[in-house]
């Protein structure tokens, strides 16, 4: 069992909050993204977990608030995905500059 960083009590890994002092046990950032109109009624939730097991978790949610699928990426793969998503924009900017004669 892990110790709560706030009060030091033992806390099972499955708990999100310490049952003794209510301190959050997971450090993460969460963001929701709207789907393309073709996938209306769904959303993408991206959770970036920090700490002992860093990962980026993607989950597809229904409009009823139910996770339909999920996958986690290790930090290195998440960084590779970020670069992949930026590439088309960078290429577009370079092409536009080329066309403008810069």
C-alpha atoms as a PDB file:
ATOM      1  CA  UNK A   1       0.000   0.000   0.000  1.00  0.00           C
ATOM      2  CA  UNK A   2       1.068   3.563  -0.643  1.00  0.00           C
ATOM      3  CA  UNK A   3       1.149   6.322   1.932  1.00  0.00           C
ATOM      4  CA  UNK A   4      -0.987   9.432   1.521  1.00  0.00           C
ATOM      5  CA  UNK A   5       1.318  12.374   0.741  1.00  0.00           C
ATOM      6  CA  UNK A   6      -0.750  14.675   2.991  1.00  0.00           C
ATOM      7  CA  UNK A   7      -1.472  12.665   6.167  1.00  0.00           C
ATOM      8  CA  UNK A   8       0.817   9.627   5.791  1.00  0.00           C
ATOM      9  CA  UNK A   9      -1.962   7.053   6.266  1.00  0.00           C
ATOM     10  CA  UNK A  10      -1.901   3.875   4.192  1.00  0.00           C
ATOM     11  CA  UNK A  11      -4.157   4.088   1.144  1.00  0.00           C
ATOM     12  CA  UNK A  12      -4.994   1.297  -1.292  1.00  0.00           C
ATOM     13  CA  UNK A  13      -3.917   2.112  -4.885  1.00  0.00           C
ATOM     14  CA  UNK A  14      -7.512   1.861  -6.141  1.00  0.00           C
ATOM     15  CA  UNK A  15      -8.585   4.907  -4.079  1.00  0.00           C
ATOM     16  CA  UNK A  16      -8.610   8.289  -5.801  1.00  0.00           C
ATOM     17  CA  UNK A  17      -8.849  10.144  -2.489  1.00  0.00           C
ATOM     18  CA  UNK A  18      -7.446   9.366   0.935  1.00  0.00           C
ATOM     19  CA  UNK A  19     -10.248   7.913   3.093  1.00  0.00           C
ATOM     20  CA  UNK A  20      -8.693   9.621   6.149  1.00  0.00           C
ATOM     21  CA  UNK A  21      -8.056  13.202   4.979  1.00  0.00           C
ATOM     22  CA  UNK A  22      -9.692  13.347   1.491  1.00  0.00           C
ATOM     23  CA  UNK A  23      -6.456  14.391  -0.262  1.00  0.00           C
ATOM     24  CA  UNK A  24      -6.349  13.451  -3.972  1.00  0.00           C
ATOM     25  CA  UNK A  25      -4.119  10.430  -4.563  1.00  0.00           C
ATOM     26  CA  UNK A  26      -3.655  10.807  -8.300  1.00  0.00           C
ATOM     27  CA  UNK A  27      -2.085  13.773  -9.993  1.00  0.00           C
ATOM     28  CA  UNK A  28      -3.532  14.273 -13.444  1.00  0.00           C
ATOM     29  CA  UNK A  29      -4.777  16.808 -15.945  1.00  0.00           C
ATOM     30  CA  UNK A  30      -8.023  16.101 -17.791  1.00  0.00           C
ATOM     31  CA  UNK A  31      -9.453  17.720 -20.905  1.00  0.00           C
ATOM     32  CA  UNK A  32     -12.551  16.902 -22.983  1.00  0.00           C
ATOM     33  CA  UNK A  33     -12.662  17.401 -26.752  1.00  0.00           C
ATOM     34  CA  UNK A  34     -15.776  17.581 -28.925  1.00  0.00           C
ATOM     35  CA  UNK A  35     -16.071  15.052 -31.681  1.00  0.00           C
ATOM     36  CA  UNK A  36     -16.361  15.773 -35.387  1.00  0.00           C
ATOM     37  CA  UNK A  37     -20.042  16.253 -36.359  1.00  0.00           C
ATOM     38  CA  UNK A  38     -19.943  12.792 -37.944  1.00  0.00           C
ATOM     39  CA  UNK A  39     -19.428  11.380 -34.420  1.00  0.00           C
ATOM     40  CA  UNK A  40     -22.053  13.571 -32.758  1.00  0.00           C
ATOM     41  CA  UNK A  41     -22.944  12.404 -29.270  1.00  0.00           C
ATOM     42  CA  UNK A  42     -19.402  11.363 -28.399  1.00  0.00           C
ATOM     43  CA  UNK A  43     -16.459  13.088 -26.798  1.00  0.00           C
ATOM     44  CA  UNK A  44     -12.786  12.386 -26.339  1.00  0.00           C
ATOM     45  CA  UNK A  45     -11.414  12.606 -22.820  1.00  0.00           C
ATOM     46  CA  UNK A  46      -7.648  12.868 -22.459  1.00  0.00           C
ATOM     47  CA  UNK A  47      -6.127  12.313 -19.026  1.00  0.00           C
ATOM     48  CA  UNK A  48      -2.438  12.982 -18.410  1.00  0.00           C
ATOM     49  CA  UNK A  49      -1.311  11.099 -15.301  1.00  0.00           C
ATOM     50  CA  UNK A  50       1.846  12.086 -13.424  1.00  0.00           C
ATOM     51  CA  UNK A  51       3.706  10.313 -10.634  1.00  0.00           C
ATOM     52  CA  UNK A  52       4.947   6.732 -10.392  1.00  0.00           C
ATOM     53  CA  UNK A  53       3.198   5.508 -13.556  1.00  0.00           C
ATOM     54  CA  UNK A  54       3.097   8.471 -15.993  1.00  0.00           C
ATOM     55  CA  UNK A  55       0.813   7.951 -18.976  1.00  0.00           C
ATOM     56  CA  UNK A  56      -1.653   9.672 -21.259  1.00  0.00           C
ATOM     57  CA  UNK A  57      -5.052   7.963 -21.394  1.00  0.00           C
ATOM     58  CA  UNK A  58      -7.556   8.509 -24.192  1.00  0.00           C
ATOM     59  CA  UNK A  59     -11.165   7.478 -23.700  1.00  0.00           C
ATOM     60  CA  UNK A  60     -14.226   7.813 -25.923  1.00  0.00           C
ATOM     61  CA  UNK A  61     -17.364   8.812 -24.045  1.00  0.00           C
ATOM     62  CA  UNK A  62     -21.009   8.535 -25.081  1.00  0.00           C
ATOM     63  CA  UNK A  63     -23.532  11.310 -24.500  1.00  0.00           C
ATOM     64  CA  UNK A  64     -24.846   9.187 -21.606  1.00  0.00           C
ATOM     65  CA  UNK A  65     -21.491   9.658 -19.864  1.00  0.00           C
ATOM     66  CA  UNK A  66     -20.239   6.105 -20.375  1.00  0.00           C
ATOM     67  CA  UNK A  67     -16.693   5.327 -21.481  1.00  0.00           C
ATOM     68  CA  UNK A  68     -16.940   3.160 -24.603  1.00  0.00           C
ATOM     69  CA  UNK A  69     -13.236   2.554 -25.206  1.00  0.00           C
ATOM     70  CA  UNK A  70      -9.902   3.590 -23.731  1.00  0.00           C
ATOM     71  CA  UNK A  71      -6.196   3.269 -24.389  1.00  0.00           C
ATOM     72  CA  UNK A  72      -3.142   4.560 -22.544  1.00  0.00           C
ATOM     73  CA  UNK A  73       0.119   5.715 -24.087  1.00  0.00           C
ATOM     74  CA  UNK A  74       3.487   5.924 -22.412  1.00  0.00           C
ATOM     75  CA  UNK A  75       4.963   9.430 -22.234  1.00  0.00           C
ATOM     76  CA  UNK A  76       7.274   8.879 -25.247  1.00  0.00           C
ATOM     77  CA  UNK A  77       4.397   7.731 -27.464  1.00  0.00           C
ATOM     78  CA  UNK A  78       2.246  10.663 -26.309  1.00  0.00           C
ATOM     79  CA  UNK A  79       5.043  13.048 -27.300  1.00  0.00           C
ATOM     80  CA  UNK A  80       5.296  11.328 -30.687  1.00  0.00           C
ATOM     81  CA  UNK A  81       1.528  11.770 -31.121  1.00  0.00           C
ATOM     82  CA  UNK A  82       1.818  15.479 -30.284  1.00  0.00           C
ATOM     83  CA  UNK A  83       4.490  15.900 -32.965  1.00  0.00           C
ATOM     84  CA  UNK A  84       2.341  13.979 -35.456  1.00  0.00           C
ATOM     85  CA  UNK A  85      -0.636  16.261 -34.784  1.00  0.00           C
ATOM     86  CA  UNK A  86       1.482  19.394 -35.236  1.00  0.00           C
ATOM     87  CA  UNK A  87       3.114  18.318 -38.500  1.00  0.00           C
ATOM     88  CA  UNK A  88       0.238  19.082 -40.888  1.00  0.00           C
ATOM     89  CA  UNK A  89      -0.016  22.627 -39.559  1.00  0.00           C
ATOM     90  CA  UNK A  90       3.736  23.195 -39.792  1.00  0.00           C
ATOM     91  CA  UNK A  91       3.733  21.846 -43.356  1.00  0.00           C
ATOM     92  CA  UNK A  92       0.798  24.105 -44.246  1.00  0.00           C
ATOM     93  CA  UNK A  93       2.605  27.165 -42.904  1.00  0.00           C
ATOM     94  CA  UNK A  94       5.772  26.313 -44.846  1.00  0.00           C
ATOM     95  CA  UNK A  95       3.778  25.697 -48.030  1.00  0.00           C
ATOM     96  CA  UNK A  96       1.893  28.972 -47.599  1.00  0.00           C
ATOM     97  CA  UNK A  97       5.174  30.846 -47.069  1.00  0.00           C
ATOM     98  CA  UNK A  98       6.616  29.164 -50.180  1.00  0.00           C
ATOM     99  CA  UNK A  99       3.591  30.155 -52.244  1.00  0.00           C
ATOM    100  CA  UNK A 100       3.894  33.741 -51.016  1.00  0.00           C
ATOM    101  CA  UNK A 101       7.551  33.754 -52.108  1.00  0.00           C
ATOM    102  CA  UNK A 102       9.103  34.082 -48.660  1.00  0.00           C
END
